[in-house]
Amino acid sequence: MTIDELACEYETQYRILSAKAKGLTPLLCIKRGRELYLLRKKIKVYNEMACECKYIASILSGYYEED
């Protein structure tokens, strides 16, 4: 696997995780109490993981570029 392919994989995971977080967002107005807390926590984790994937993808895609 090349660095560009790996960057593409991270970008794909970014899209998947972002979609999961976005798909859970409408449930925020339905859940209450502990379920709401856990849902917010899950969405936060998905968003954090997505941001990390996006960051890593950007680093990998520019790996061979000169400064």
N, C-alpha and C. Protein backbone atom coordinates (compact mmCIF):
# COMPACT_ATOMS: atom_id res chain seq x y z
N MET A 1 0.85 -1.17 0.00
CA MET A 1 0.00 0.00 0.00
C MET A 1 0.90 1.24 0.00
N THR A 2 0.58 2.19 -0.86
CA THR A 2 1.36 3.43 -0.94
C THR A 2 0.83 4.44 0.08
N ILE A 3 1.59 5.49 0.28
CA ILE A 3 1.15 6.55 1.20
C ILE A 3 -0.11 7.23 0.68
N ASP A 4 -0.21 7.40 -0.63
CA ASP A 4 -1.41 8.00 -1.20
C ASP A 4 -2.64 7.12 -0.99
N GLU A 5 -2.47 5.83 -1.12
CA GLU A 5 -3.59 4.90 -0.87
C GLU A 5 -3.99 4.94 0.61
N LEU A 6 -3.01 5.03 1.48
CA LEU A 6 -3.29 5.11 2.91
C LEU A 6 -4.03 6.42 3.23
N ALA A 7 -3.62 7.50 2.60
CA ALA A 7 -4.31 8.78 2.77
C ALA A 7 -5.76 8.67 2.32
N CYS A 8 -5.97 7.97 1.23
CA CYS A 8 -7.33 7.75 0.71
C CYS A 8 -8.16 6.94 1.70
N GLU A 9 -7.56 5.94 2.32
CA GLU A 9 -8.25 5.13 3.33
C GLU A 9 -8.68 5.99 4.52
N TYR A 10 -7.78 6.85 4.97
CA TYR A 10 -8.11 7.74 6.09
C TYR A 10 -9.23 8.70 5.69
N GLU A 11 -9.20 9.19 4.47
CA GLU A 11 -10.25 10.08 3.99
C GLU A 11 -11.59 9.35 3.95
N THR A 12 -11.57 8.11 3.53
CA THR A 12 -12.80 7.29 3.50
C THR A 12 -13.34 7.09 4.91
N GLN A 13 -12.45 6.79 5.85
CA GLN A 13 -12.89 6.62 7.24
C GLN A 13 -13.43 7.92 7.81
N TYR A 14 -12.85 9.04 7.41
CA TYR A 14 -13.36 10.35 7.83
C TYR A 14 -14.83 10.50 7.39
N ARG A 15 -15.09 10.18 6.14
CA ARG A 15 -16.46 10.30 5.61
C ARG A 15 -17.43 9.37 6.33
N ILE A 16 -17.00 8.15 6.60
CA ILE A 16 -17.85 7.17 7.28
C ILE A 16 -18.18 7.65 8.70
N LEU A 17 -17.16 8.07 9.44
CA LEU A 17 -17.38 8.52 10.81
C LEU A 17 -18.22 9.78 10.87
N SER A 18 -18.00 10.69 9.94
CA SER A 18 -18.82 11.91 9.89
C SER A 18 -20.28 11.58 9.61
N ALA A 19 -20.51 10.64 8.71
CA ALA A 19 -21.87 10.23 8.39
C ALA A 19 -22.55 9.57 9.59
N LYS A 20 -21.81 8.77 10.34
CA LYS A 20 -22.37 8.15 11.54
C LYS A 20 -22.80 9.21 12.55
N ALA A 21 -21.94 10.19 12.78
CA ALA A 21 -22.25 11.27 13.72
C ALA A 21 -23.47 12.06 13.24
N LYS A 22 -23.49 12.37 11.96
CA LYS A 22 -24.61 13.13 11.39
C LYS A 22 -25.91 12.34 11.48
N GLY A 23 -25.83 11.03 11.27
CA GLY A 23 -27.02 10.18 11.35
C GLY A 23 -27.60 10.08 12.75
N LEU A 24 -26.76 10.21 13.75
CA LEU A 24 -27.22 10.13 15.14
C LEU A 24 -27.78 11.45 15.66
N THR A 25 -27.41 12.55 15.03
CA THR A 25 -27.80 13.87 15.51
C THR A 25 -29.31 14.06 15.67
N PRO A 26 -30.16 13.60 14.77
CA PRO A 26 -31.61 13.79 14.96
C PRO A 26 -32.16 13.12 16.24
N LEU A 27 -31.46 12.13 16.75
CA LEU A 27 -31.92 11.45 17.96
C LEU A 27 -31.74 12.30 19.21
N LEU A 28 -30.98 13.38 19.11
CA LEU A 28 -30.73 14.23 20.26
C LEU A 28 -32.02 14.84 20.82
N CYS A 29 -33.00 15.08 19.96
CA CYS A 29 -34.25 15.69 20.43
C CYS A 29 -35.24 14.64 20.95
N ILE A 30 -34.89 13.38 20.82
CA ILE A 30 -35.77 12.30 21.28
C ILE A 30 -35.32 11.73 22.62
N LYS A 31 -34.03 11.58 22.79
CA LYS A 31 -33.48 10.94 23.98
C LYS A 31 -33.52 11.87 25.19
N ARG A 32 -33.56 11.26 26.38
CA ARG A 32 -33.58 12.01 27.64
C ARG A 32 -32.67 11.32 28.64
N GLY A 33 -32.22 12.08 29.60
CA GLY A 33 -31.47 11.52 30.71
C GLY A 33 -30.16 10.87 30.30
N ARG A 34 -29.95 9.68 30.84
CA ARG A 34 -28.70 8.96 30.60
C ARG A 34 -28.53 8.61 29.12
N GLU A 35 -29.62 8.25 28.45
CA GLU A 35 -29.53 7.93 27.02
C GLU A 35 -29.05 9.13 26.22
N LEU A 36 -29.50 10.33 26.58
CA LEU A 36 -29.06 11.55 25.90
C LEU A 36 -27.58 11.78 26.15
N TYR A 37 -27.15 11.60 27.38
CA TYR A 37 -25.75 11.76 27.73
C TYR A 37 -24.87 10.80 26.92
N LEU A 38 -25.26 9.53 26.86
CA LEU A 38 -24.49 8.54 26.12
C LEU A 38 -24.48 8.83 24.62
N LEU A 39 -25.59 9.30 24.10
CA LEU A 39 -25.66 9.65 22.68
C LEU A 39 -24.74 10.82 22.36
N ARG A 40 -24.76 11.84 23.20
CA ARG A 40 -23.86 12.98 22.99
C ARG A 40 -22.40 12.54 23.05
N LYS A 41 -22.11 11.66 23.98
CA LYS A 41 -20.75 11.14 24.11
C LYS A 41 -20.34 10.38 22.85
N LYS A 42 -21.24 9.54 22.34
CA LYS A 42 -20.95 8.76 21.13
C LYS A 42 -20.72 9.68 19.93
N ILE A 43 -21.56 10.70 19.77
CA ILE A 43 -21.41 11.64 18.67
C ILE A 43 -20.08 12.39 18.78
N LYS A 44 -19.74 12.79 20.00
CA LYS A 44 -18.47 13.48 20.24
C LYS A 44 -17.29 12.60 19.85
N VAL A 45 -17.33 11.34 20.23
CA VAL A 45 -16.24 10.41 19.90
C VAL A 45 -16.14 10.23 18.39
N TYR A 46 -17.27 10.04 17.72
CA TYR A 46 -17.25 9.89 16.26
C TYR A 46 -16.65 11.14 15.60
N ASN A 47 -17.04 12.31 16.07
CA ASN A 47 -16.52 13.55 15.49
C ASN A 47 -15.02 13.70 15.74
N GLU A 48 -14.57 13.35 16.94
CA GLU A 48 -13.15 13.42 17.24
C GLU A 48 -12.35 12.45 16.37
N MET A 49 -12.87 11.25 16.22
CA MET A 49 -12.19 10.25 15.38
C MET A 49 -12.15 10.73 13.92
N ALA A 50 -13.25 11.31 13.46
CA ALA A 50 -13.32 11.82 12.08
C ALA A 50 -12.28 12.92 11.87
N CYS A 51 -12.16 13.82 12.84
CA CYS A 51 -11.17 14.90 12.74
C CYS A 51 -9.75 14.35 12.69
N GLU A 52 -9.49 13.36 13.50
CA GLU A 52 -8.16 12.74 13.48
C GLU A 52 -7.88 12.10 12.13
N CYS A 53 -8.85 11.41 11.57
CA CYS A 53 -8.68 10.78 10.26
C CYS A 53 -8.42 11.83 9.18
N LYS A 54 -9.15 12.93 9.23
CA LYS A 54 -8.97 14.00 8.25
C LYS A 54 -7.57 14.60 8.38
N TYR A 55 -7.12 14.82 9.62
CA TYR A 55 -5.80 15.38 9.87
C TYR A 55 -4.71 14.45 9.35
N ILE A 56 -4.81 13.18 9.65
CA ILE A 56 -3.81 12.20 9.20
C ILE A 56 -3.81 12.10 7.68
N ALA A 57 -4.99 12.12 7.08
CA ALA A 57 -5.08 12.06 5.62
C ALA A 57 -4.38 13.26 4.99
N SER A 58 -4.55 14.43 5.59
CA SER A 58 -3.90 15.63 5.03
C SER A 58 -2.39 15.56 5.16
N ILE A 59 -1.91 15.01 6.28
CA ILE A 59 -0.47 14.85 6.46
C ILE A 59 0.09 13.86 5.44
N LEU A 60 -0.59 12.75 5.28
CA LEU A 60 -0.11 11.71 4.36
C LEU A 60 -0.14 12.18 2.91
N SER A 61 -1.20 12.91 2.55
CA SER A 61 -1.31 13.33 1.14
C SER A 61 -0.25 14.35 0.78
N GLY A 62 0.28 15.08 1.74
CA GLY A 62 1.32 16.05 1.45
C GLY A 62 2.71 15.57 1.85
N TYR A 63 2.85 14.29 2.07
CA TYR A 63 4.09 13.73 2.59
C TYR A 63 5.29 13.99 1.68
N TYR A 64 5.08 13.88 0.39
CA TYR A 64 6.20 14.01 -0.54
C TYR A 64 6.37 15.42 -1.09
N GLU A 65 5.52 16.34 -0.67
CA GLU A 65 5.64 17.72 -1.15
C GLU A 65 6.79 18.40 -0.45
N GLU A 66 7.44 19.29 -1.17
CA GLU A 66 8.55 20.03 -0.59
C GLU A 66 8.01 21.18 0.23
N ASP A 67 8.76 21.55 1.26
CA ASP A 67 8.35 22.68 2.11
C ASP A 67 8.64 24.01 1.47
